[in-house]
Structures are given as C-alpha cells and as structure tokens.
C-alpha atoms as a PDB file:
ATOM      1  CA  MET A   1       7.903 -27.681 -27.070  1.00  0.00           C
ATOM      2  CA  ASN A   2       6.022 -24.844 -28.720  1.00  0.00           C
ATOM      3  CA  HIS A   3       3.056 -25.199 -26.331  1.00  0.00           C
ATOM      4  CA  ARG A   4       5.330 -25.060 -23.276  1.00  0.00           C
ATOM      5  CA  TYR A   5       6.954 -21.873 -24.547  1.00  0.00           C
ATOM      6  CA  LEU A   6       3.556 -20.246 -25.142  1.00  0.00           C
ATOM      7  CA  THR A   7       2.287 -21.422 -21.733  1.00  0.00           C
ATOM      8  CA  VAL A   8       5.296 -19.946 -19.956  1.00  0.00           C
ATOM      9  CA  LEU A   9       5.010 -16.706 -21.933  1.00  0.00           C
ATOM     10  CA  PHE A  10       1.285 -16.417 -21.250  1.00  0.00           C
ATOM     11  CA  SER A  11       1.806 -17.174 -17.539  1.00  0.00           C
ATOM     12  CA  ALA A  12       4.528 -14.531 -17.276  1.00  0.00           C
ATOM     13  CA  PHE A  13       2.275 -12.002 -19.003  1.00  0.00           C
ATOM     14  CA  ALA A  14      -0.616 -12.853 -16.649  1.00  0.00           C
ATOM     15  CA  VAL A  15       1.559 -12.469 -13.550  1.00  0.00           C
ATOM     16  CA  ALA A  16       3.010  -9.205 -14.846  1.00  0.00           C
ATOM     17  CA  SER A  17      -0.459  -7.766 -15.475  1.00  0.00           C
ATOM     18  CA  ILE A  18      -1.790  -8.842 -12.057  1.00  0.00           C
ATOM     19  CA  PHE A  19       1.285  -7.797 -10.060  1.00  0.00           C
ATOM     20  CA  PRO A  20       2.918  -4.924 -11.944  1.00  0.00           C
ATOM     21  CA  GLY A  21       5.302  -4.157  -9.039  1.00  0.00           C
ATOM     22  CA  LEU A  22       7.099  -7.465  -9.528  1.00  0.00           C
ATOM     23  CA  VAL A  23       8.407  -6.567 -12.975  1.00  0.00           C
ATOM     24  CA  GLY A  24       9.597  -3.021 -12.269  1.00  0.00           C
ATOM     25  CA  ALA A  25       6.559  -1.199 -13.603  1.00  0.00           C
ATOM     26  CA  GLN A  26       6.293   0.928 -10.480  1.00  0.00           C
ATOM     27  CA  THR A  27       5.753   4.598 -11.007  1.00  0.00           C
ATOM     28  CA  SER A  28       7.762   7.185  -9.128  1.00  0.00           C
ATOM     29  CA  ASP A  29       4.928   9.682  -8.782  1.00  0.00           C
ATOM     30  CA  THR A  30       5.965  11.840  -5.836  1.00  0.00           C
ATOM     31  CA  SER A  31       3.596  14.729  -6.448  1.00  0.00           C
ATOM     32  CA  ALA A  32       1.264  15.731  -3.653  1.00  0.00           C
ATOM     33  CA  PRO A  33      -2.420  14.938  -4.009  1.00  0.00           C
ATOM     34  CA  ARG A  34      -4.464  17.846  -5.344  1.00  0.00           C
ATOM     35  CA  THR A  35      -7.841  19.274  -4.454  1.00  0.00           C
ATOM     36  CA  PRO A  36     -10.488  19.466  -7.192  1.00  0.00           C
ATOM     37  CA  TRP A  37      -9.486  23.123  -7.772  1.00  0.00           C
ATOM     38  CA  GLY A  38      -5.782  22.278  -8.216  1.00  0.00           C
ATOM     39  CA  GLN A  39      -4.234  23.312  -4.893  1.00  0.00           C
ATOM     40  CA  PRO A  40      -2.133  20.807  -2.870  1.00  0.00           C
ATOM     41  CA  ASP A  41      -4.378  18.742  -0.590  1.00  0.00           C
ATOM     42  CA  LEU A  42      -2.992  19.286   2.911  1.00  0.00           C
ATOM     43  CA  GLN A  43      -5.661  17.396   4.833  1.00  0.00           C
ATOM     44  CA  GLY A  44      -4.487  15.173   7.630  1.00  0.00           C
ATOM     45  CA  ILE A  45      -3.043  15.355  11.114  1.00  0.00           C
ATOM     46  CA  TRP A  46      -0.511  18.100  11.681  1.00  0.00           C
ATOM     47  CA  ASP A  47       1.732  18.346  14.711  1.00  0.00           C
ATOM     48  CA  PHE A  48       2.808  21.857  15.663  1.00  0.00           C
ATOM     49  CA  ARG A  49       4.671  20.995  18.886  1.00  0.00           C
ATOM     50  CA  THR A  50       7.800  23.068  18.531  1.00  0.00           C
ATOM     51  CA  ILE A  51       9.663  25.707  20.472  1.00  0.00           C
ATOM     52  CA  THR A  52      10.510  27.569  17.290  1.00  0.00           C
ATOM     53  CA  PRO A  53       8.277  30.630  16.911  1.00  0.00           C
ATOM     54  CA  LEU A  54       6.228  30.650  13.731  1.00  0.00           C
ATOM     55  CA  GLU A  55       6.314  34.427  13.411  1.00  0.00           C
ATOM     56  CA  ARG A  56       9.391  36.577  13.801  1.00  0.00           C
ATOM     57  CA  PRO A  57       9.315  40.161  15.066  1.00  0.00           C
ATOM     58  CA  GLU A  58       9.843  42.875  12.470  1.00  0.00           C
ATOM     59  CA  GLY A  59      13.470  43.526  11.622  1.00  0.00           C
ATOM     60  CA  GLN A  60      14.748  40.064  12.494  1.00  0.00           C
ATOM     61  CA  ALA A  61      16.061  37.473  10.088  1.00  0.00           C
ATOM     62  CA  GLU A  62      13.771  34.837   8.623  1.00  0.00           C
ATOM     63  CA  PHE A  63      15.570  31.957  10.350  1.00  0.00           C
ATOM     64  CA  LEU A  64      16.781  31.526  13.920  1.00  0.00           C
ATOM     65  CA  THR A  65      20.509  31.494  14.458  1.00  0.00           C
ATOM     66  CA  ILE A  66      22.050  28.600  16.353  1.00  0.00           C
ATOM     67  CA  GLU A  67      22.437  30.837  19.413  1.00  0.00           C
ATOM     68  CA  GLU A  68      18.789  32.012  19.271  1.00  0.00           C
ATOM     69  CA  ALA A  69      17.532  28.446  18.985  1.00  0.00           C
ATOM     70  CA  ALA A  70      19.745  27.349  21.888  1.00  0.00           C
ATOM     71  CA  ASN A  71      18.503  30.256  24.048  1.00  0.00           C
ATOM     72  CA  ILE A  72      14.846  29.467  23.293  1.00  0.00           C
ATOM     73  CA  GLU A  73      15.409  25.787  24.017  1.00  0.00           C
ATOM     74  CA  GLN A  74      17.199  26.534  27.302  1.00  0.00           C
ATOM     75  CA  ALA A  75      14.449  28.955  28.368  1.00  0.00           C
ATOM     76  CA  THR A  76      11.855  26.271  27.675  1.00  0.00           C
ATOM     77  CA  VAL A  77      13.812  23.677  29.672  1.00  0.00           C
ATOM     78  CA  ASN A  78      14.223  26.131  32.575  1.00  0.00           C
ATOM     79  CA  ARG A  79      10.514  27.000  32.571  1.00  0.00           C
ATOM     80  CA  ASN A  80       9.494  23.330  32.501  1.00  0.00           C
ATOM     81  CA  GLU A  81      11.849  22.534  35.389  1.00  0.00           C
ATOM     82  CA  GLU A  82      10.491  25.463  37.420  1.00  0.00           C
ATOM     83  CA  LEU A  83       6.901  24.360  36.813  1.00  0.00           C
ATOM     84  CA  LEU A  84       7.775  20.771  37.732  1.00  0.00           C
ATOM     85  CA  THR A  85       9.582  21.571  40.982  1.00  0.00           C
ATOM     86  CA  ARG A  86       7.483  24.414  42.412  1.00  0.00           C
ATOM     87  CA  GLY A  87       5.064  23.680  45.177  1.00  0.00           C
ATOM     88  CA  ALA A  88       1.330  23.318  44.752  1.00  0.00           C
ATOM     89  CA  ARG A  89      -0.578  26.595  44.805  1.00  0.00           C
ATOM     90  CA  ARG A  90      -4.222  27.353  45.223  1.00  0.00           C
ATOM     91  CA  THR A  91      -5.521  29.426  42.388  1.00  0.00           C
ATOM     92  CA  GLU A  92      -8.713  31.229  41.613  1.00  0.00           C
ATOM     93  CA  SER A  93     -10.705  30.335  38.554  1.00  0.00           C
ATOM     94  CA  THR A  94      -9.647  33.581  36.885  1.00  0.00           C
ATOM     95  CA  SER A  95      -5.915  33.224  37.602  1.00  0.00           C
ATOM     96  CA  SER A  96      -3.309  31.741  35.341  1.00  0.00           C
ATOM     97  CA  VAL A  97      -1.829  28.547  36.745  1.00  0.00           C
ATOM     98  CA  ASP A  98       1.289  28.741  34.583  1.00  0.00           C
ATOM     99  CA  HIS A  99       2.221  32.239  35.700  1.00  0.00           C
ATOM    100  CA  GLY A 100       1.236  31.713  39.346  1.00  0.00           C
ATOM    101  CA  GLU A 101      -0.765  34.929  39.441  1.00  0.00           C
END
C-alpha cells in the first residue's frame, strides 16, 4: 500500500512539473514585452486604416464628438461612392486620379 501511495504521489509530481498549466500554476503576466533599454517593445504589424484623423487642428477637442465622427464617416462613404460610379477618365502622369484634375 505504501509503494502505491508513493508511486501515485511521484507520478502526480512528475506530471505537475512537466505540464504546469494543468495544476493551475499559470502566471497572469500581462505586461508588454520590453526592449533591452526598458521601453515597451511595439514591433509587429500595425493597421492604421481608419477615418479618424490622428491629428486635430488647434483649438479643437482631443476626441471627436459623435456628430463629427458621423460627418467624417458619411463624407468618406460619399467620396467612395462618387469614385466608384464616375466614368473612366484619361489622366496625365502628373495628374491626380482621385481628384480628377
């Protein structure tokens, strides 16, 4: 009986040391990785596709209001529809296709 108890205890210890996640030994480290000089490591793929301007003109609030965001979104939708439905135009190599100049 004593050998079975030790075998089960040893087996449980071996499994717990090999697979620490099974026994609740997971860490909750949510800190961002750091560069060697201590700053947050922001390497990776970033996606900046947004209609929200990243810089605001002087004298305006830091955040867009609901109305401002709706107006910007509607202007973007209108511009995309206009570009989609307008006829083909010949352009010169120095002209802007988007503006039709």
